[in-house]
Amino acid sequence: MSQGYSQLFQSLSGSSGTGNQNFLSDYASIKSGSYGKLLKAYYSTEQSSSTTASSKSKSNSSKYTLDKILEEKKNPTISKQAQEANSNLTTGLSNLKSSLSALQNDSTYTNTDNGQSASDKVVSAMKNFVEDYNSVVTAAKKSTLAGKTAYVANMMNSTSANADKLSELGITINANGTLQLNEGKLKEADVSKVQELFSSNDLMSYGSKISSRVQFANVANTTTNKTDSTDKTDDTDSTGTNNATGSSAASLKADSETLASDKLYEKIKDKDGNETYDIDKIFAAAKSFVNNYNGMFDKAESSTNSGVLSNLSQIKTKTARNADVLKQFGISLDTKGRLKIDEDTFKKADMSKVQKFFKDYGSSVATNASLVDFYMTTQANAANGYTAAGAYDVQGSSRYAGYI
């Protein structure tokens, strides 16, 4: 309308002043008179009818769009290419687990009676590993399984961090993230270096890190059958959460905080009146910590929740880094990542050093244990807690810190 008015008044610009005044006078009369009222009544009805029709159209359109969204949510459409990638990724991860296991097997690094050398066995195992690794990376790029692809991204990060060590063995990283093997260079390498890099006994080795990512990726996006309320066990709540696991994690958090507190190390007077640490009390807290640490891992490692698995991995990594210090206090770490405490060694340790150590380590473990408890008791979809680069970022709760 404004454009029409503009054009209308522009058409009058060449007329005489008297003509303009007469036209404007007529226009004013029409606008305010009965003709104007008639026009208003007519167009008001037309607009009302048009608005109603438009409103109904918009309402129907919105309802149709909402129905489509809900239907898509219930039955998401996945392209054939994505379906194939998802299948290849699942199969590839299983194959990668097997080829990685061969590189972590001591028998791979020994000569056999039939004349096959350790070097030949290592080259064969490495060829399988590289092939399976590349299949997983390729499939992950087209896959819609967010939980699995997040762990693959994390696996690729670990590979990138060990690029120099891998290069010494004839393995280079291509621009697309896949690996390339130089068999000649690998044959010339010391097999003990390969064994060390892939060692399953060292939780911080490249092989152990890749193994944990593959293990977690294998169970991510796994669907479980929902059971009726009559099928629930005493340890499972209405969401399918294992309360025993959450309880172990919560107990570990409490033990960690206790061992990090000043109160535990307050000195008491012995029978001779000398001030000393209450060693029995401190040992009891340490023993409880070890028991709940092992209990949490025993129950939670089978979880399909990536938030749980990631925090277990972080706790395991922190413990491995501090294995030497823990050993001084009589707390040892076995090949499965479980703890054992020797009472005599612990009680003979310098309690001031125990206190200082658990100030940092205990507080850090408490944070991750708290997150394990959080995910186990809420069944949060932690797959969304990973960035494309594989870094962990807890979402949905400001109470919890991110990647530690």
Protein backbone atom coordinates (compact mmCIF):
# COMPACT_ATOMS: atom_id res chain seq x y z
CA MET A 1 0.00 0.00 0.00
CA SER A 2 2.78 2.48 0.88
CA GLN A 3 4.31 1.86 -2.55
CA GLY A 4 0.91 2.51 -4.16
CA TYR A 5 0.52 5.78 -2.26
CA SER A 6 3.98 6.85 -3.31
CA GLN A 7 3.28 6.17 -6.96
CA LEU A 8 -0.07 7.92 -6.68
CA PHE A 9 1.41 11.14 -5.33
CA GLN A 10 4.26 11.03 -7.82
CA SER A 11 1.72 10.99 -10.67
CA LEU A 12 0.37 14.30 -9.42
CA SER A 13 3.70 16.06 -9.36
CA GLY A 14 3.21 17.56 -12.88
CA SER A 15 -0.31 18.99 -12.20
CA SER A 16 -1.13 22.49 -11.15
CA GLY A 17 -1.35 23.47 -7.50
CA THR A 18 -5.12 23.91 -7.80
CA GLY A 19 -5.55 20.45 -9.28
CA ASN A 20 -3.55 18.93 -6.44
CA GLN A 21 -5.62 20.69 -3.82
CA ASN A 22 -8.91 19.61 -5.45
CA PHE A 23 -7.72 15.98 -5.66
CA LEU A 24 -6.55 15.93 -2.06
CA SER A 25 -9.84 17.44 -0.96
CA ASP A 26 -11.80 14.74 -2.82
CA TYR A 27 -9.52 12.08 -1.39
CA ALA A 28 -10.08 13.35 2.13
CA SER A 29 -13.87 13.31 1.64
CA ILE A 30 -13.88 9.79 0.28
CA LYS A 31 -11.61 8.59 3.09
CA SER A 32 -13.70 10.05 5.91
CA GLY A 33 -17.15 9.73 4.33
CA SER A 34 -19.65 6.92 3.89
CA TYR A 35 -17.70 5.51 0.96
CA GLY A 36 -14.70 5.17 3.21
CA LYS A 37 -16.75 3.41 5.88
CA LEU A 38 -18.16 1.04 3.27
CA LEU A 39 -14.68 0.18 2.06
CA LYS A 40 -13.49 -0.41 5.61
CA ALA A 41 -16.40 -2.73 6.37
CA TYR A 42 -15.88 -4.67 3.15
CA TYR A 43 -12.13 -5.09 3.46
CA SER A 44 -12.39 -5.79 7.19
CA THR A 45 -14.55 -8.83 6.36
CA GLU A 46 -12.22 -9.91 3.56
CA GLN A 47 -9.14 -9.55 5.76
CA SER A 48 -10.82 -11.41 8.63
CA SER A 49 -11.72 -14.25 6.29
CA SER A 50 -8.25 -14.21 4.78
CA THR A 51 -6.61 -14.14 8.24
CA THR A 52 -8.75 -17.03 9.46
CA ALA A 53 -7.87 -19.09 6.39
CA SER A 54 -4.23 -18.17 6.72
CA SER A 55 -4.28 -19.01 10.41
CA LYS A 56 -5.86 -22.39 9.71
CA SER A 57 -3.34 -22.99 6.96
CA LYS A 58 -0.44 -22.12 9.25
CA SER A 59 -1.91 -24.25 12.05
CA ASN A 60 -2.30 -27.24 9.74
CA SER A 61 1.16 -26.66 8.33
CA SER A 62 2.69 -26.46 11.83
CA LYS A 63 0.87 -29.60 12.92
CA TYR A 64 2.08 -31.43 9.81
CA THR A 65 5.66 -30.27 10.40
CA LEU A 66 5.54 -31.31 14.07
CA ASP A 67 4.15 -34.73 13.14
CA LYS A 68 6.94 -35.16 10.63
CA ILE A 69 9.58 -34.24 13.23
CA LEU A 70 8.10 -36.64 15.79
CA GLU A 71 7.90 -39.41 13.23
CA GLU A 72 11.52 -38.79 12.22
CA LYS A 73 12.52 -38.93 15.89
CA LYS A 74 10.78 -42.30 16.28
CA ASN A 75 11.99 -43.71 12.98
CA PRO A 76 15.07 -41.78 11.86
CA THR A 77 15.89 -42.03 8.20
CA ILE A 78 19.42 -43.27 7.59
CA SER A 79 20.87 -43.39 4.11
CA LYS A 80 22.11 -46.68 2.70
CA GLN A 81 25.61 -45.24 2.70
CA ALA A 82 25.37 -44.43 6.43
CA GLN A 83 23.89 -47.85 7.19
CA GLU A 84 26.78 -49.50 5.37
CA ALA A 85 29.29 -47.30 7.22
CA ASN A 86 27.68 -48.17 10.56
CA SER A 87 27.92 -51.88 9.76
CA ASN A 88 31.53 -51.53 8.59
CA LEU A 89 32.45 -49.57 11.70
CA THR A 90 30.99 -52.18 14.03
CA THR A 91 32.73 -55.01 12.18
CA GLY A 92 35.95 -53.01 11.87
CA LEU A 93 36.16 -52.34 15.59
CA SER A 94 35.79 -56.05 16.32
CA ASN A 95 38.56 -56.85 13.83
CA LEU A 96 40.78 -54.10 15.23
CA LYS A 97 40.39 -55.53 18.71
CA SER A 98 41.67 -58.88 17.45
CA SER A 99 44.63 -57.49 15.50
CA LEU A 100 45.58 -55.26 18.42
CA SER A 101 45.43 -58.27 20.74
CA ALA A 102 48.02 -60.03 18.57
CA LEU A 103 50.42 -57.09 19.00
CA GLN A 104 49.90 -57.27 22.76
CA ASN A 105 50.52 -61.03 22.92
CA ASP A 106 53.99 -62.04 24.13
CA SER A 107 54.06 -65.03 21.76
CA THR A 108 54.14 -62.63 18.79
CA TYR A 109 57.60 -61.51 19.85
CA THR A 110 59.25 -64.95 20.03
CA ASN A 111 60.64 -67.23 17.32
CA THR A 112 58.61 -70.38 16.68
CA ASP A 113 59.72 -73.97 16.16
CA ASN A 114 58.54 -74.01 12.54
CA GLY A 115 61.16 -71.43 11.65
CA GLN A 116 58.98 -68.30 11.65
CA SER A 117 60.95 -65.45 13.16
CA ALA A 118 59.60 -62.94 15.65
CA SER A 119 60.28 -60.20 13.10
CA ASP A 120 58.06 -61.88 10.49
CA LYS A 121 55.30 -62.42 13.04
CA VAL A 122 55.46 -58.76 14.09
CA VAL A 123 55.27 -57.55 10.48
CA SER A 124 52.27 -59.80 9.82
CA ALA A 125 50.50 -58.63 12.98
CA MET A 126 51.26 -54.99 12.20
CA LYS A 127 49.91 -55.31 8.65
CA ASN A 128 46.63 -56.60 10.05
CA PHE A 129 46.54 -53.83 12.64
CA VAL A 130 47.12 -51.06 10.08
CA GLU A 131 44.51 -52.53 7.72
CA ASP A 132 41.88 -52.83 10.46
CA TYR A 133 42.76 -49.39 11.88
CA ASN A 134 42.28 -47.79 8.45
CA SER A 135 38.95 -49.57 7.94
CA VAL A 136 37.67 -48.19 11.23
CA VAL A 137 38.81 -44.63 10.48
CA THR A 138 37.29 -44.72 6.99
CA ALA A 139 33.95 -46.10 8.21
CA ALA A 140 33.77 -43.67 11.14
CA LYS A 141 33.83 -40.65 8.81
CA LYS A 142 30.52 -41.69 7.26
CA SER A 143 28.94 -43.32 10.30
CA THR A 144 26.00 -41.93 12.27
CA LEU A 145 26.97 -43.85 15.43
CA ALA A 146 28.08 -40.85 17.47
CA GLY A 147 29.20 -42.86 20.50
CA LYS A 148 31.52 -45.08 18.47
CA THR A 149 32.90 -42.30 16.29
CA ALA A 150 33.74 -40.22 19.37
CA TYR A 151 36.01 -42.98 20.64
CA VAL A 152 37.53 -43.42 17.19
CA ALA A 153 38.38 -39.72 17.21
CA ASN A 154 39.96 -40.18 20.63
CA MET A 155 41.90 -43.17 19.28
CA MET A 156 43.18 -41.04 16.41
CA ASN A 157 44.33 -38.41 18.89
CA SER A 158 46.38 -41.03 20.73
CA THR A 159 47.91 -42.15 17.44
CA SER A 160 48.82 -38.58 16.57
CA ALA A 161 50.45 -38.13 19.98
CA ASN A 162 52.64 -41.19 19.29
CA ALA A 163 53.48 -40.25 15.70
CA ASP A 164 57.25 -40.08 16.33
CA LYS A 165 57.42 -43.50 17.98
CA LEU A 166 55.31 -45.05 15.24
CA SER A 167 57.49 -43.43 12.57
CA GLU A 168 60.56 -45.19 14.01
CA LEU A 169 58.77 -48.47 13.29
CA GLY A 170 57.88 -47.52 9.71
CA ILE A 171 54.32 -46.34 10.38
CA THR A 172 53.31 -42.87 9.18
CA ILE A 173 50.02 -41.01 9.47
CA ASN A 174 48.35 -39.86 6.26
CA ALA A 175 46.54 -36.54 5.91
CA ASN A 176 43.16 -38.30 6.19
CA GLY A 177 44.11 -39.97 9.49
CA THR A 178 44.79 -43.45 8.10
CA LEU A 179 48.10 -45.24 8.61
CA GLN A 180 50.74 -46.31 6.10
CA LEU A 181 53.20 -49.11 6.78
CA ASN A 182 56.76 -49.36 5.45
CA GLU A 183 57.41 -53.11 5.86
CA GLY A 184 61.12 -52.79 5.11
CA LYS A 185 61.65 -50.26 7.90
CA LEU A 186 59.58 -52.33 10.33
CA LYS A 187 61.65 -55.46 9.59
CA GLU A 188 64.81 -53.53 10.49
CA ALA A 189 63.32 -52.28 13.77
CA ASP A 190 63.96 -53.92 17.13
CA VAL A 191 60.89 -56.06 17.93
CA SER A 192 61.30 -55.15 21.60
CA LYS A 193 60.43 -51.54 20.69
CA VAL A 194 57.21 -52.69 19.06
CA GLN A 195 56.38 -54.80 22.10
CA GLU A 196 57.07 -51.87 24.42
CA LEU A 197 54.90 -49.51 22.37
CA PHE A 198 51.96 -51.93 22.40
CA SER A 199 52.52 -53.33 25.91
CA SER A 200 49.36 -54.33 27.76
CA ASN A 201 51.23 -54.27 31.08
CA ASP A 202 51.85 -50.52 30.80
CA LEU A 203 48.52 -48.71 31.09
CA MET A 204 50.12 -45.61 29.58
CA SER A 205 51.46 -47.36 26.46
CA TYR A 206 50.09 -46.56 23.01
CA GLY A 207 48.68 -50.07 22.71
CA SER A 208 46.83 -49.84 26.05
CA LYS A 209 45.31 -46.49 25.14
CA ILE A 210 44.13 -47.72 21.74
CA SER A 211 42.83 -50.92 23.34
CA SER A 212 40.71 -48.97 25.86
CA ARG A 213 39.26 -46.74 23.10
CA VAL A 214 38.40 -49.75 20.97
CA GLN A 215 36.85 -51.51 23.96
CA PHE A 216 34.69 -48.50 24.79
CA ALA A 217 33.77 -47.94 21.14
CA ASN A 218 32.64 -51.56 20.83
CA VAL A 219 30.01 -51.11 23.55
CA ALA A 220 28.99 -47.54 22.67
CA ASN A 221 25.61 -47.16 20.90
CA THR A 222 24.70 -50.68 22.01
CA THR A 223 20.97 -51.00 22.58
CA THR A 224 19.61 -53.12 25.37
CA ASN A 225 16.16 -54.65 25.63
CA LYS A 226 13.88 -52.89 28.06
CA THR A 227 12.44 -55.16 30.68
CA ASP A 228 9.08 -54.96 32.32
CA SER A 229 8.95 -53.65 35.86
CA THR A 230 8.30 -57.18 37.09
CA ASP A 231 11.68 -58.32 35.69
CA LYS A 232 13.78 -55.82 37.65
CA THR A 233 16.34 -57.05 40.12
CA ASP A 234 16.97 -55.50 43.48
CA ASP A 235 20.08 -53.75 42.13
CA THR A 236 18.28 -52.07 39.23
CA ASP A 237 15.98 -49.07 39.39
CA SER A 238 13.22 -48.07 36.97
CA THR A 239 15.71 -46.55 34.52
CA GLY A 240 17.75 -49.72 34.23
CA THR A 241 20.55 -48.23 36.32
CA ASN A 242 22.74 -50.50 38.38
CA ASN A 243 22.53 -48.99 41.84
CA ALA A 244 25.40 -51.15 43.10
CA THR A 245 27.78 -49.50 40.63
CA GLY A 246 26.61 -46.02 41.52
CA SER A 247 26.96 -46.91 45.20
CA SER A 248 30.55 -48.09 44.72
CA ALA A 249 31.43 -44.91 42.85
CA ALA A 250 29.80 -42.75 45.53
CA SER A 251 31.69 -44.66 48.23
CA LEU A 252 34.98 -44.22 46.36
CA LYS A 253 34.29 -40.50 46.11
CA ALA A 254 33.72 -40.35 49.86
CA ASP A 255 36.89 -42.36 50.59
CA SER A 256 38.92 -40.14 48.25
CA GLU A 257 37.69 -37.00 49.96
CA THR A 258 38.41 -38.51 53.38
CA LEU A 259 42.00 -39.36 52.40
CA ALA A 260 42.41 -35.82 51.04
CA SER A 261 41.04 -34.16 54.18
CA ASP A 262 43.08 -32.63 57.00
CA LYS A 263 40.81 -34.11 59.66
CA LEU A 264 41.97 -37.68 58.97
CA TYR A 265 45.55 -36.70 59.75
CA GLU A 266 44.89 -34.87 63.01
CA LYS A 267 47.33 -36.19 65.58
CA ILE A 268 46.35 -37.95 68.77
CA LYS A 269 48.25 -38.67 71.99
CA ASP A 270 49.58 -42.15 72.52
CA LYS A 271 49.80 -43.92 75.91
CA ASP A 272 53.05 -42.06 76.65
CA GLY A 273 51.49 -38.70 75.91
CA ASN A 274 53.27 -38.22 72.59
CA GLU A 275 51.38 -36.80 69.60
CA THR A 276 51.18 -39.17 66.67
CA TYR A 277 49.01 -40.02 63.70
CA ASP A 278 46.05 -42.35 64.16
CA ILE A 279 47.59 -44.86 61.76
CA ASP A 280 44.86 -47.47 62.20
CA LYS A 281 42.25 -44.91 61.24
CA ILE A 282 44.20 -43.75 58.19
CA PHE A 283 44.83 -47.35 57.09
CA ALA A 284 41.12 -48.15 57.44
CA ALA A 285 40.33 -45.25 55.09
CA ALA A 286 42.99 -46.39 52.61
CA LYS A 287 41.75 -49.99 52.71
CA SER A 288 38.18 -48.83 52.11
CA PHE A 289 39.44 -46.71 49.21
CA VAL A 290 41.13 -49.76 47.62
CA ASN A 291 38.06 -51.97 48.10
CA ASN A 292 35.65 -49.43 46.63
CA TYR A 293 38.08 -48.60 43.82
CA ASN A 294 38.17 -52.26 42.76
CA GLY A 295 34.45 -52.71 43.37
CA MET A 296 33.58 -49.76 41.15
CA PHE A 297 35.72 -51.07 38.29
CA ASP A 298 34.40 -54.62 38.65
CA LYS A 299 30.83 -53.41 38.32
CA ALA A 300 31.16 -50.43 35.97
CA GLU A 301 33.56 -51.68 33.30
CA SER A 302 30.73 -53.58 31.61
CA SER A 303 28.66 -50.39 31.32
CA THR A 304 27.61 -49.20 27.86
CA ASN A 305 27.50 -45.59 29.04
CA SER A 306 30.41 -43.69 27.50
CA GLY A 307 30.39 -41.12 30.31
CA VAL A 308 31.01 -43.89 32.82
CA LEU A 309 33.68 -45.54 30.69
CA SER A 310 35.52 -42.30 30.01
CA ASN A 311 35.79 -41.40 33.68
CA LEU A 312 36.95 -44.93 34.54
CA SER A 313 39.64 -44.53 31.91
CA GLN A 314 40.73 -41.21 33.41
CA ILE A 315 40.93 -42.69 36.92
CA LYS A 316 42.92 -45.65 35.58
CA THR A 317 45.32 -43.28 33.80
CA LYS A 318 45.86 -41.14 36.90
CA THR A 319 46.51 -44.25 39.00
CA ALA A 320 49.00 -45.60 36.47
CA ARG A 321 50.87 -42.30 36.46
CA ASN A 322 51.19 -42.48 40.24
CA ALA A 323 51.92 -46.20 40.48
CA ASP A 324 55.46 -45.65 41.84
CA VAL A 325 54.27 -43.31 44.59
CA LEU A 326 51.42 -45.61 45.58
CA LYS A 327 53.88 -48.48 45.77
CA GLN A 328 55.83 -46.58 48.44
CA PHE A 329 52.67 -46.68 50.55
CA GLY A 330 52.16 -50.41 49.98
CA ILE A 331 49.45 -49.91 47.34
CA SER A 332 50.25 -51.87 44.18
CA LEU A 333 48.59 -52.00 40.78
CA ASP A 334 48.06 -55.28 38.91
CA THR A 335 47.87 -55.84 35.14
CA LYS A 336 44.07 -55.56 35.20
CA GLY A 337 44.24 -52.14 36.81
CA ARG A 338 43.08 -53.29 40.26
CA LEU A 339 44.67 -52.18 43.53
CA LYS A 340 46.07 -54.20 46.42
CA ILE A 341 47.21 -52.79 49.77
CA ASP A 342 49.88 -54.22 52.07
CA GLU A 343 49.06 -53.29 55.67
CA ASP A 344 52.59 -53.45 57.07
CA THR A 345 54.11 -51.31 54.31
CA PHE A 346 51.33 -48.75 54.54
CA LYS A 347 51.55 -48.38 58.31
CA LYS A 348 55.32 -47.88 58.12
CA ALA A 349 54.97 -45.12 55.51
CA ASP A 350 55.41 -41.41 56.29
CA MET A 351 51.82 -40.27 56.89
CA SER A 352 52.70 -36.66 56.04
CA LYS A 353 53.63 -37.88 52.54
CA VAL A 354 50.45 -39.94 52.34
CA GLN A 355 48.46 -36.84 53.23
CA LYS A 356 50.27 -34.68 50.65
CA PHE A 357 49.83 -37.27 47.92
CA PHE A 358 46.11 -37.80 48.47
CA LYS A 359 45.53 -34.04 48.59
CA ASP A 360 46.04 -34.04 44.83
CA TYR A 361 45.43 -37.61 43.70
CA GLY A 362 42.51 -38.26 46.06
CA SER A 363 40.73 -35.02 45.14
CA SER A 364 41.17 -35.74 41.45
CA VAL A 365 39.84 -39.31 41.75
CA ALA A 366 36.90 -38.01 43.78
CA THR A 367 35.89 -35.77 40.85
CA ASN A 368 35.86 -38.65 38.36
CA ALA A 369 34.16 -41.02 40.82
CA SER A 370 31.49 -38.40 41.29
CA LEU A 371 30.96 -38.32 37.52
CA VAL A 372 30.77 -42.12 37.35
CA ASP A 373 28.10 -41.99 40.04
CA PHE A 374 26.32 -39.18 38.16
CA TYR A 375 26.16 -41.08 34.88
CA MET A 376 25.25 -44.38 36.49
CA THR A 377 22.38 -42.87 38.44
CA THR A 378 20.99 -40.70 35.63
CA GLN A 379 21.76 -42.89 32.60
CA ALA A 380 22.91 -39.75 30.80
CA ASN A 381 23.63 -40.13 27.09
CA ALA A 382 27.34 -39.44 27.42
CA ALA A 383 28.04 -40.04 23.77
CA ASN A 384 27.11 -36.40 23.28
CA GLY A 385 29.76 -35.49 25.84
CA TYR A 386 32.51 -35.93 23.27
CA THR A 387 33.74 -33.37 20.81
CA ALA A 388 34.64 -34.29 17.24
CA ALA A 389 38.27 -34.35 18.30
CA GLY A 390 37.52 -36.97 20.93
CA ALA A 391 37.98 -34.69 23.94
CA TYR A 392 35.58 -35.23 26.81
CA ASP A 393 33.20 -32.42 27.71
CA VAL A 394 30.48 -33.07 30.25
CA GLN A 395 27.27 -31.35 29.21
CA GLY A 396 23.97 -30.75 30.88
CA SER A 397 25.18 -30.19 34.43
CA SER A 398 27.21 -27.21 35.57
CA ARG A 399 28.09 -29.04 38.78
CA TYR A 400 30.63 -31.20 37.00
CA ALA A 401 33.93 -30.22 35.47
CA GLY A 402 34.95 -31.19 31.93
CA TYR A 403 37.90 -33.19 30.73
CA ILE A 404 40.44 -33.52 33.54
